[in-house]
Amino acid sequence: MPTLTQLRPPRSGPPPGLVATAVAGAIGCGVLAAALPRLGLALALALVALLAVRLLRLSTVELVVVTMPFMFFPPIGFLLNVSVADFLMPVLVVVTWPRVRDALDPFRHGVLRRFTGLSAVLLFVMVLSGLVAALTLPVFDARDAVLDTMKLVVVLVYFLTLLAAFLTLPERRLLRVARLWVWCAVAQAAASLAGLAPSDGTRALGWFQDPNLYAGYLLTSVAVAFYLVARDRLAAWPVLLLVLLAGVLATGSRGGLVAMAALLGLAVVALLSSRIGTLLMAGGVAGLAVLLFVPDILSRSLLPGVERLLTSSEAADTDPRWRLWNRAWELWTDHPLLGVGIGQYPEYSAGLTPFRNWTEGQVAHHTFLSFAAEGGIAGLLAFGAVIGATALQVRRAAHLTRMQRAALLLGVVVIVTMMLTLNLQNLRYVWAFFAFAVAAAVTRDAAPDDVPEEQR
């Protein structure tokens, strides 16, 4: 006969641990919001996202991907940017790393070790550049060195943790992550076009507080969408593609426009024999016709960012970036081996741009020149090795079709192109895409006998 305890219905509602987490998090949010409102709001959003695991059945890695593009600068100035996903990353670290050894086969474990080694070398070289500069150069700001080192550590943790998490996923779950990435980007682009997302009145900012960083995110998402179409499927992908590209135009980013042209041009060449290439070719012709015959519709009515692109292109030869790049080149040639130290370039660029009324320096607005100036040839090679290894891993993925490899490599091309006019080394989505590209290149749901010999 069943006892009274056995007849009692199972307990409903959230588990006690989740309730305790919610209560503790709510108290923490209140305390933090009282001191630093933006950080308190970010922590609150991260907590809501964490609780959504139970409601929406999203994994922690999926939540990190979804909340990653919501970034802001806290009240300490434009020295440190923060993402909502930063508050979830410690949870992902705890969830992912303890099970890596048991979850990965020798080949994937070797891939993870290789990129861990490259990341360690990059961090070591940049820290060494700061130490040498502090001991030998008269100009050195310890606060900037510490902040830039923190930024580098954060994005490398993103890269390696997401890579480890992606490598443990089966192919269908990795494709689900890609789908969430694309839909989140489409939602942001649609919000910008509808006037619901942050804007400075002319240029769409997304939730990055910067139109250029936002444009790079949307273009990287286009590459992820291409991969989904080539690998699996993506519902209504032509419409999603047009929304993403229109979102890029709304940012008014000149670097974004160049990267978009490179992306679409290479995509047509690489994918011309596919339906993607056919659509891009037709879309390009239609877009050119619109710009030639009815320019006012786009430039003044629907996408104000386009007008900014057209007017600013007339003054491209006097852009302050030329002075910033020239100073970075001078610093590199004066200190070719280890540069002037991590985070130190702004100390040498004061007065080159009207930033803060010509009183403070800016970053180099060129990722590769930034690494060259601050880390010398050693830092530049260490950083380039990570990008090169990512592209090589994709290129060697024998189980991927030409279209699938091209889609992932297009994402690398977009990021590298944007890096030529911006400092993108501290952007979370850059390293998340590298992690996704590497994982996609080695992830295959197949029987062991069906796996290529080089991947066993």
Protein backbone atom coordinates (compact mmCIF):
# COMPACT_ATOMS: atom_id res chain seq x y z
CA MET A 1 0.00 0.00 0.00
CA PRO A 2 1.43 3.36 -0.92
CA THR A 3 2.27 5.66 1.93
CA LEU A 4 1.06 9.22 2.37
CA THR A 5 4.44 10.48 1.16
CA GLN A 6 4.19 8.41 -2.01
CA LEU A 7 0.70 9.71 -2.71
CA ARG A 8 1.79 13.33 -2.32
CA PRO A 9 2.02 15.06 -5.73
CA PRO A 10 5.50 16.08 -6.88
CA ARG A 11 6.62 19.54 -5.88
CA SER A 12 5.86 22.18 -8.50
CA GLY A 13 7.59 25.45 -9.16
CA PRO A 14 11.25 26.34 -9.51
CA PRO A 15 13.86 24.42 -7.52
CA PRO A 16 15.10 25.97 -4.26
CA GLY A 17 18.57 26.60 -5.74
CA LEU A 18 17.08 28.69 -8.53
CA VAL A 19 14.99 30.68 -6.07
CA ALA A 20 18.04 31.32 -3.89
CA THR A 21 20.00 32.47 -6.93
CA ALA A 22 17.18 34.80 -7.95
CA VAL A 23 16.89 36.32 -4.48
CA ALA A 24 20.65 36.78 -4.07
CA GLY A 25 20.90 38.19 -7.60
CA ALA A 26 18.05 40.64 -7.00
CA ILE A 27 19.74 41.93 -3.85
CA GLY A 28 23.05 42.24 -5.70
CA CYS A 29 21.38 44.11 -8.56
CA GLY A 30 19.78 46.56 -6.16
CA VAL A 31 23.05 47.29 -4.38
CA LEU A 32 25.00 47.63 -7.61
CA ALA A 33 22.33 49.75 -9.28
CA ALA A 34 22.47 52.21 -6.39
CA ALA A 35 26.19 52.79 -7.02
CA LEU A 36 26.58 52.18 -10.75
CA PRO A 37 23.19 52.12 -12.52
CA ARG A 38 24.42 50.76 -15.84
CA LEU A 39 26.32 47.89 -14.26
CA GLY A 40 23.32 47.14 -12.07
CA LEU A 41 21.05 47.02 -15.11
CA ALA A 42 23.49 44.76 -16.95
CA LEU A 43 23.65 42.38 -14.00
CA ALA A 44 19.85 42.38 -13.83
CA LEU A 45 19.62 41.51 -17.53
CA ALA A 46 22.19 38.76 -17.09
CA LEU A 47 20.20 37.36 -14.16
CA VAL A 48 16.99 37.41 -16.20
CA ALA A 49 18.81 35.63 -19.01
CA LEU A 50 20.12 33.04 -16.58
CA LEU A 51 16.62 32.36 -15.28
CA ALA A 52 15.45 32.05 -18.90
CA VAL A 53 17.38 28.79 -19.07
CA ARG A 54 14.51 27.19 -17.21
CA LEU A 55 11.76 29.00 -19.10
CA LEU A 56 13.08 28.99 -22.68
CA ARG A 57 15.28 25.90 -22.42
CA LEU A 58 18.33 27.77 -23.57
CA SER A 59 21.76 26.52 -22.61
CA THR A 60 24.30 28.80 -20.96
CA VAL A 61 26.42 28.98 -24.12
CA GLU A 62 23.34 29.98 -26.13
CA LEU A 63 22.57 32.70 -23.61
CA VAL A 64 26.10 34.04 -23.90
CA VAL A 65 25.78 34.22 -27.70
CA VAL A 66 22.41 35.99 -27.47
CA THR A 67 23.46 38.55 -24.82
CA MET A 68 26.96 39.16 -26.25
CA PRO A 69 25.96 42.02 -28.61
CA PHE A 70 24.46 44.09 -25.78
CA MET A 71 27.46 46.20 -24.83
CA PHE A 72 27.97 49.53 -23.12
CA PHE A 73 30.62 51.76 -21.60
CA PRO A 74 30.31 52.01 -17.80
CA PRO A 75 30.66 55.38 -16.02
CA ILE A 76 34.48 55.14 -15.92
CA GLY A 77 34.75 56.53 -19.44
CA PHE A 78 35.61 55.02 -22.80
CA LEU A 79 38.39 52.89 -21.32
CA LEU A 80 36.50 49.66 -20.71
CA ASN A 81 33.47 48.26 -22.48
CA VAL A 82 31.20 45.69 -20.85
CA SER A 83 28.79 43.16 -22.31
CA VAL A 84 25.75 41.70 -20.60
CA ALA A 85 27.24 38.31 -21.46
CA ASP A 86 30.26 39.13 -19.27
CA PHE A 87 28.11 38.43 -16.23
CA LEU A 88 27.22 35.00 -17.64
CA MET A 89 30.71 34.04 -18.73
CA PRO A 90 31.82 32.88 -15.24
CA VAL A 91 28.86 30.48 -15.26
CA LEU A 92 29.88 29.15 -18.69
CA VAL A 93 33.48 28.71 -17.51
CA VAL A 94 32.33 26.63 -14.53
CA VAL A 95 29.95 24.59 -16.68
CA THR A 96 32.32 23.97 -19.59
CA TRP A 97 35.88 23.37 -18.48
CA PRO A 98 35.39 20.55 -15.93
CA ARG A 99 33.90 18.29 -18.61
CA VAL A 100 36.22 19.14 -21.51
CA ARG A 101 38.55 16.18 -21.04
CA ASP A 102 35.75 13.60 -21.05
CA ALA A 103 33.65 15.31 -23.74
CA LEU A 104 36.30 15.80 -26.44
CA ASP A 105 37.97 13.18 -28.60
CA PRO A 106 41.77 13.40 -29.09
CA PHE A 107 41.50 15.36 -32.33
CA ARG A 108 39.22 18.08 -30.92
CA HIS A 109 41.25 18.16 -27.73
CA GLY A 110 44.34 18.77 -29.85
CA VAL A 111 42.61 21.65 -31.64
CA LEU A 112 41.70 23.21 -28.30
CA ARG A 113 45.27 22.82 -27.01
CA ARG A 114 46.65 24.44 -30.16
CA PHE A 115 44.52 27.56 -29.83
CA THR A 116 45.10 27.69 -26.08
CA GLY A 117 48.83 27.76 -26.78
CA LEU A 118 48.47 30.51 -29.38
CA SER A 119 46.36 32.57 -26.97
CA ALA A 120 48.89 32.09 -24.18
CA VAL A 121 51.69 33.28 -26.46
CA LEU A 122 49.68 36.37 -27.46
CA LEU A 123 48.97 37.27 -23.83
CA PHE A 124 52.60 36.66 -22.80
CA VAL A 125 54.00 38.84 -25.58
CA MET A 126 51.65 41.74 -24.85
CA VAL A 127 52.29 41.60 -21.09
CA LEU A 128 56.03 41.45 -21.79
CA SER A 129 55.73 44.53 -24.00
CA GLY A 130 54.17 46.41 -21.10
CA LEU A 131 56.84 45.32 -18.63
CA VAL A 132 59.68 46.27 -20.97
CA ALA A 133 58.07 49.64 -21.73
CA ALA A 134 57.58 50.35 -18.02
CA LEU A 135 61.28 49.73 -17.39
CA THR A 136 62.81 51.40 -20.45
CA LEU A 137 60.53 54.12 -21.84
CA PRO A 138 59.87 57.54 -20.29
CA VAL A 139 56.19 57.49 -21.30
CA PHE A 140 54.13 54.79 -19.60
CA ASP A 141 50.64 54.78 -18.07
CA ALA A 142 50.20 51.83 -15.73
CA ARG A 143 46.41 52.21 -15.58
CA ASP A 144 46.03 51.92 -19.35
CA ALA A 145 48.36 48.92 -19.39
CA VAL A 146 46.34 47.14 -16.70
CA LEU A 147 43.00 47.95 -18.37
CA ASP A 148 44.14 46.76 -21.80
CA THR A 149 45.59 43.59 -20.27
CA MET A 150 42.24 42.98 -18.56
CA LYS A 151 40.44 43.47 -21.88
CA LEU A 152 42.74 41.00 -23.60
CA VAL A 153 42.28 38.43 -20.84
CA VAL A 154 38.48 38.80 -21.07
CA VAL A 155 38.29 38.23 -24.83
CA LEU A 156 40.74 35.32 -24.69
CA VAL A 157 38.57 33.74 -22.00
CA TYR A 158 35.62 34.26 -24.35
CA PHE A 159 37.51 32.70 -27.23
CA LEU A 160 38.79 29.62 -25.45
CA THR A 161 35.69 28.99 -23.35
CA LEU A 162 33.33 29.34 -26.31
CA LEU A 163 35.65 27.19 -28.41
CA ALA A 164 35.63 24.49 -25.73
CA ALA A 165 31.84 24.76 -25.36
CA PHE A 166 31.23 24.66 -29.12
CA LEU A 167 33.53 21.66 -29.54
CA THR A 168 31.50 19.68 -26.99
CA LEU A 169 28.27 20.26 -28.93
CA PRO A 170 26.90 17.89 -31.56
CA GLU A 171 26.44 19.39 -35.00
CA ARG A 172 22.70 20.02 -34.61
CA ARG A 173 23.28 22.01 -31.41
CA LEU A 174 26.07 24.02 -33.01
CA LEU A 175 23.71 24.90 -35.86
CA ARG A 176 21.12 25.93 -33.29
CA VAL A 177 23.67 28.33 -31.77
CA ALA A 178 24.31 29.78 -35.23
CA ARG A 179 20.58 30.19 -35.80
CA LEU A 180 20.16 32.06 -32.51
CA TRP A 181 23.10 34.30 -33.43
CA VAL A 182 21.55 35.23 -36.79
CA TRP A 183 18.05 35.83 -35.44
CA CYS A 184 19.40 38.04 -32.65
CA ALA A 185 21.31 40.12 -35.23
CA VAL A 186 18.23 40.34 -37.48
CA ALA A 187 16.16 41.54 -34.53
CA GLN A 188 18.70 44.28 -33.81
CA ALA A 189 18.83 45.35 -37.46
CA ALA A 190 15.04 45.41 -37.71
CA ALA A 191 14.82 47.46 -34.51
CA SER A 192 17.29 49.97 -35.97
CA LEU A 193 15.38 50.28 -39.23
CA ALA A 194 12.13 50.75 -37.31
CA GLY A 195 13.66 53.46 -35.11
CA LEU A 196 13.36 51.35 -31.94
CA ALA A 197 17.09 50.81 -31.31
CA PRO A 198 19.53 53.43 -29.99
CA SER A 199 20.62 56.05 -32.52
CA ASP A 200 22.43 59.39 -32.49
CA GLY A 201 19.73 60.83 -34.72
CA THR A 202 21.47 59.90 -37.94
CA ARG A 203 23.45 56.72 -37.41
CA ALA A 204 22.12 53.50 -35.91
CA LEU A 205 24.15 52.43 -32.87
CA GLY A 206 22.52 49.12 -32.07
CA TRP A 207 23.26 48.18 -28.47
CA PHE A 208 27.00 48.81 -28.87
CA GLN A 209 27.00 52.61 -28.36
CA ASP A 210 29.13 52.70 -31.52
CA PRO A 211 27.89 52.45 -35.14
CA ASN A 212 31.13 50.93 -36.49
CA LEU A 213 31.21 48.08 -33.98
CA TYR A 214 27.53 47.47 -34.65
CA ALA A 215 28.14 47.31 -38.41
CA GLY A 216 30.88 44.74 -37.89
CA TYR A 217 28.55 42.58 -35.82
CA LEU A 218 25.83 42.64 -38.48
CA LEU A 219 28.29 41.75 -41.26
CA THR A 220 29.77 38.90 -39.23
CA SER A 221 26.22 37.67 -38.72
CA VAL A 222 25.74 37.68 -42.51
CA ALA A 223 28.64 35.22 -42.78
CA VAL A 224 27.03 33.02 -40.11
CA ALA A 225 23.78 33.17 -42.10
CA PHE A 226 25.62 32.11 -45.27
CA TYR A 227 27.05 29.14 -43.39
CA LEU A 228 23.60 28.13 -42.15
CA VAL A 229 22.14 28.28 -45.65
CA ALA A 230 25.01 26.24 -47.05
CA ARG A 231 25.14 23.74 -44.18
CA ASP A 232 21.54 23.27 -43.19
CA ARG A 233 18.71 25.71 -43.77
CA LEU A 234 17.54 29.13 -42.66
CA ALA A 235 13.89 30.08 -43.02
CA ALA A 236 13.25 33.14 -45.20
CA TRP A 237 16.98 33.75 -45.52
CA PRO A 238 16.78 36.22 -48.46
CA VAL A 239 14.61 38.52 -46.36
CA LEU A 240 16.89 38.15 -43.35
CA LEU A 241 19.91 38.95 -45.50
CA LEU A 242 18.30 42.14 -46.82
CA VAL A 243 17.40 43.24 -43.28
CA LEU A 244 20.98 42.69 -42.08
CA LEU A 245 22.49 44.59 -45.02
CA ALA A 246 20.00 47.45 -44.62
CA GLY A 247 20.96 47.56 -40.95
CA VAL A 248 24.61 47.99 -41.98
CA LEU A 249 23.70 50.93 -44.24
CA ALA A 250 21.74 52.50 -41.38
CA THR A 251 24.93 52.65 -39.28
CA GLY A 252 26.56 55.05 -41.75
CA SER A 253 29.87 53.26 -41.16
CA ARG A 254 32.44 53.80 -43.92
CA GLY A 255 34.46 50.84 -42.72
CA GLY A 256 31.28 48.80 -42.63
CA LEU A 257 30.47 49.83 -46.21
CA VAL A 258 33.93 48.74 -47.42
CA ALA A 259 33.63 45.45 -45.52
CA MET A 260 30.14 44.89 -46.95
CA ALA A 261 31.42 45.49 -50.47
CA ALA A 262 34.26 43.01 -49.87
CA LEU A 263 31.85 40.49 -48.38
CA LEU A 264 29.34 40.67 -51.20
CA GLY A 265 31.97 40.82 -53.92
CA LEU A 266 33.82 37.76 -52.63
CA ALA A 267 30.53 35.99 -51.93
CA VAL A 268 29.44 36.42 -55.54
CA VAL A 269 32.78 35.04 -56.74
CA ALA A 270 32.87 32.15 -54.26
CA LEU A 271 29.19 31.26 -54.39
CA LEU A 272 28.24 32.27 -57.94
CA SER A 273 27.20 28.74 -58.87
CA SER A 274 24.81 28.60 -55.91
CA ARG A 275 21.47 30.16 -55.14
CA ILE A 276 23.20 32.50 -52.69
CA GLY A 277 25.41 33.90 -55.43
CA THR A 278 22.48 34.25 -57.80
CA LEU A 279 20.48 36.20 -55.24
CA LEU A 280 23.45 38.42 -54.39
CA MET A 281 24.03 39.21 -58.04
CA ALA A 282 20.36 40.08 -58.58
CA GLY A 283 20.22 42.05 -55.34
CA GLY A 284 23.35 43.99 -56.26
CA VAL A 285 21.91 45.01 -59.63
CA ALA A 286 18.61 46.03 -58.03
CA GLY A 287 20.39 47.97 -55.30
CA LEU A 288 22.54 49.82 -57.82
CA ALA A 289 19.44 50.74 -59.82
CA VAL A 290 17.76 52.12 -56.71
CA LEU A 291 20.81 54.21 -55.79
CA LEU A 292 21.11 55.59 -59.34
CA PHE A 293 17.47 56.39 -60.05
CA VAL A 294 15.84 57.09 -56.70
CA PRO A 295 18.67 58.08 -54.33
CA ASP A 296 16.46 60.32 -52.22
CA ILE A 297 14.34 57.37 -51.10
CA LEU A 298 17.26 55.71 -49.39
CA SER A 299 19.52 58.59 -48.44
CA ARG A 300 16.95 60.93 -46.96
CA SER A 301 13.83 58.95 -46.15
CA LEU A 302 14.52 55.37 -45.14
CA LEU A 303 18.23 55.19 -44.27
CA PRO A 304 19.69 58.49 -43.05
CA GLY A 305 23.04 56.75 -42.52
CA VAL A 306 23.47 56.51 -46.28
CA GLU A 307 23.50 60.30 -46.60
CA ARG A 308 26.25 60.45 -44.00
CA LEU A 309 28.25 57.94 -46.04
CA LEU A 310 27.89 60.00 -49.20
CA THR A 311 28.90 63.29 -47.56
CA SER A 312 31.74 61.93 -45.42
CA SER A 313 33.35 60.17 -48.38
CA GLU A 314 34.11 63.59 -49.86
CA ALA A 315 36.44 64.34 -46.92
CA ALA A 316 38.11 60.93 -46.72
CA ASP A 317 41.55 62.35 -47.58
CA THR A 318 41.49 64.60 -44.49
CA ASP A 319 40.22 61.94 -42.08
CA PRO A 320 42.06 62.03 -38.71
CA ARG A 321 42.64 58.29 -39.04
CA TRP A 322 45.50 59.00 -41.44
CA ARG A 323 47.33 60.87 -38.67
CA LEU A 324 46.60 58.09 -36.17
CA TRP A 325 47.91 55.44 -38.56
CA ASN A 326 51.02 57.46 -39.32
CA ARG A 327 51.82 57.82 -35.61
CA ALA A 328 51.29 54.08 -35.09
CA TRP A 329 53.70 53.35 -37.94
CA GLU A 330 56.28 55.72 -36.46
CA LEU A 331 56.02 54.05 -33.06
CA TRP A 332 56.45 50.63 -34.64
CA THR A 333 59.54 51.65 -36.63
CA ASP A 334 61.04 53.30 -33.52
CA HIS A 335 60.34 50.24 -31.33
CA PRO A 336 60.13 47.36 -33.80
CA LEU A 337 60.50 44.32 -31.52
CA LEU A 338 58.08 44.85 -28.59
CA GLY A 339 56.53 48.26 -29.31
CA VAL A 340 55.72 50.88 -26.70
CA GLY A 341 53.73 48.59 -24.41
CA ILE A 342 50.17 47.32 -24.22
CA GLY A 343 47.61 50.11 -23.85
CA GLN A 344 50.16 52.88 -24.42
CA TYR A 345 49.31 54.11 -27.91
CA PRO A 346 46.82 56.80 -26.69
CA GLU A 347 49.66 58.34 -24.68
CA TYR A 348 51.41 59.13 -27.96
CA SER A 349 48.38 60.24 -30.02
CA ALA A 350 47.17 63.26 -28.02
CA GLY A 351 46.54 66.26 -30.25
CA LEU A 352 46.13 64.24 -33.43
CA THR A 353 42.31 64.27 -33.38
CA PRO A 354 39.66 66.57 -31.88
CA PHE A 355 38.87 63.92 -29.24
CA ARG A 356 38.14 65.58 -25.88
CA ASN A 357 38.90 68.98 -27.36
CA TRP A 358 42.31 67.86 -28.71
CA THR A 359 43.57 67.10 -25.20
CA GLU A 360 43.52 63.28 -25.11
CA GLY A 361 44.77 60.57 -27.41
CA GLN A 362 42.69 57.94 -29.17
CA VAL A 363 43.32 54.37 -30.19
CA ALA A 364 44.92 53.74 -33.57
CA HIS A 365 41.64 52.81 -35.32
CA HIS A 366 43.58 50.01 -37.01
CA THR A 367 43.84 46.69 -35.17
CA PHE A 368 47.02 45.50 -36.85
CA LEU A 369 48.86 48.82 -36.53
CA SER A 370 47.70 48.95 -32.91
CA PHE A 371 49.31 45.58 -32.16
CA ALA A 372 52.43 46.62 -34.11
CA ALA A 373 52.78 49.90 -32.22
CA GLU A 374 52.09 48.47 -28.77
CA GLY A 375 53.49 44.94 -29.13
CA GLY A 376 55.98 45.30 -31.96
CA ILE A 377 56.54 42.61 -34.55
CA ALA A 378 56.22 39.98 -31.81
CA GLY A 379 52.73 41.16 -30.83
CA LEU A 380 51.61 41.53 -34.44
CA LEU A 381 52.77 38.02 -35.35
CA ALA A 382 51.21 36.51 -32.22
CA PHE A 383 47.87 38.13 -33.00
CA GLY A 384 48.05 37.26 -36.68
CA ALA A 385 48.83 33.64 -35.80
CA VAL A 386 45.43 33.24 -34.13
CA ILE A 387 43.61 34.59 -37.18
CA GLY A 388 45.78 32.59 -39.56
CA ALA A 389 45.29 29.36 -37.61
CA THR A 390 41.52 29.93 -37.65
CA ALA A 391 41.46 30.41 -41.43
CA LEU A 392 43.76 27.42 -41.94
CA GLN A 393 41.56 25.18 -39.78
CA VAL A 394 38.55 26.11 -41.89
CA ARG A 395 40.48 25.68 -45.13
CA ARG A 396 41.52 22.15 -44.12
CA ALA A 397 38.00 21.03 -43.13
CA ALA A 398 37.62 18.18 -45.60
CA HIS A 399 34.06 17.34 -44.54
CA LEU A 400 32.80 20.84 -45.40
CA THR A 401 31.73 21.72 -48.92
CA ARG A 402 33.32 24.58 -50.84
CA MET A 403 30.32 26.78 -50.07
CA GLN A 404 30.48 26.03 -46.36
CA ARG A 405 34.19 26.77 -46.14
CA ALA A 406 33.70 29.95 -48.18
CA ALA A 407 30.96 31.17 -45.83
CA LEU A 408 33.20 30.80 -42.76
CA LEU A 409 36.20 32.34 -44.52
CA LEU A 410 34.02 35.28 -45.59
CA GLY A 411 33.42 35.96 -41.91
CA VAL A 412 37.18 36.08 -41.32
CA VAL A 413 37.54 38.43 -44.32
CA VAL A 414 34.84 40.74 -42.93
CA ILE A 415 36.53 40.94 -39.54
CA VAL A 416 39.99 41.51 -41.03
CA THR A 417 38.61 44.21 -43.34
CA MET A 418 36.93 46.02 -40.45
CA MET A 419 40.18 45.73 -38.47
CA LEU A 420 41.87 47.89 -41.08
CA THR A 421 39.89 50.93 -39.89
CA LEU A 422 38.93 50.01 -36.31
CA ASN A 423 40.31 48.53 -33.11
CA LEU A 424 38.28 45.33 -32.88
CA GLN A 425 40.58 43.19 -30.74
CA ASN A 426 38.43 43.68 -27.64
CA LEU A 427 35.06 42.92 -29.27
CA ARG A 428 33.38 39.76 -27.96
CA TYR A 429 31.71 38.83 -31.24
CA VAL A 430 35.06 38.80 -33.07
CA TRP A 431 36.45 36.07 -30.82
CA ALA A 432 33.10 34.29 -30.65
CA PHE A 433 33.08 34.04 -34.44
CA PHE A 434 36.64 32.70 -34.50
CA ALA A 435 35.59 30.08 -31.94
CA PHE A 436 32.51 29.19 -33.98
CA ALA A 437 34.48 28.94 -37.23
CA VAL A 438 37.04 26.58 -35.70
CA ALA A 439 34.34 24.44 -34.08
CA ALA A 440 32.31 24.28 -37.29
CA ALA A 441 35.44 23.16 -39.14
CA VAL A 442 35.96 20.14 -36.88
CA THR A 443 32.42 19.24 -35.82
CA ARG A 444 30.79 16.43 -37.70
CA ASP A 445 28.05 14.01 -36.65
CA ALA A 446 29.33 10.80 -38.20
CA ALA A 447 30.43 7.31 -37.36
CA PRO A 448 34.11 6.98 -36.42
CA ASP A 449 34.93 5.09 -39.64
CA ASP A 450 33.48 7.94 -41.67
CA VAL A 451 35.74 10.60 -40.14
CA PRO A 452 38.73 11.62 -42.27
CA GLU A 453 42.06 10.24 -41.08
CA GLU A 454 43.47 13.67 -40.25
CA GLN A 455 40.54 14.25 -37.86
CA ARG A 456 40.80 10.95 -35.96
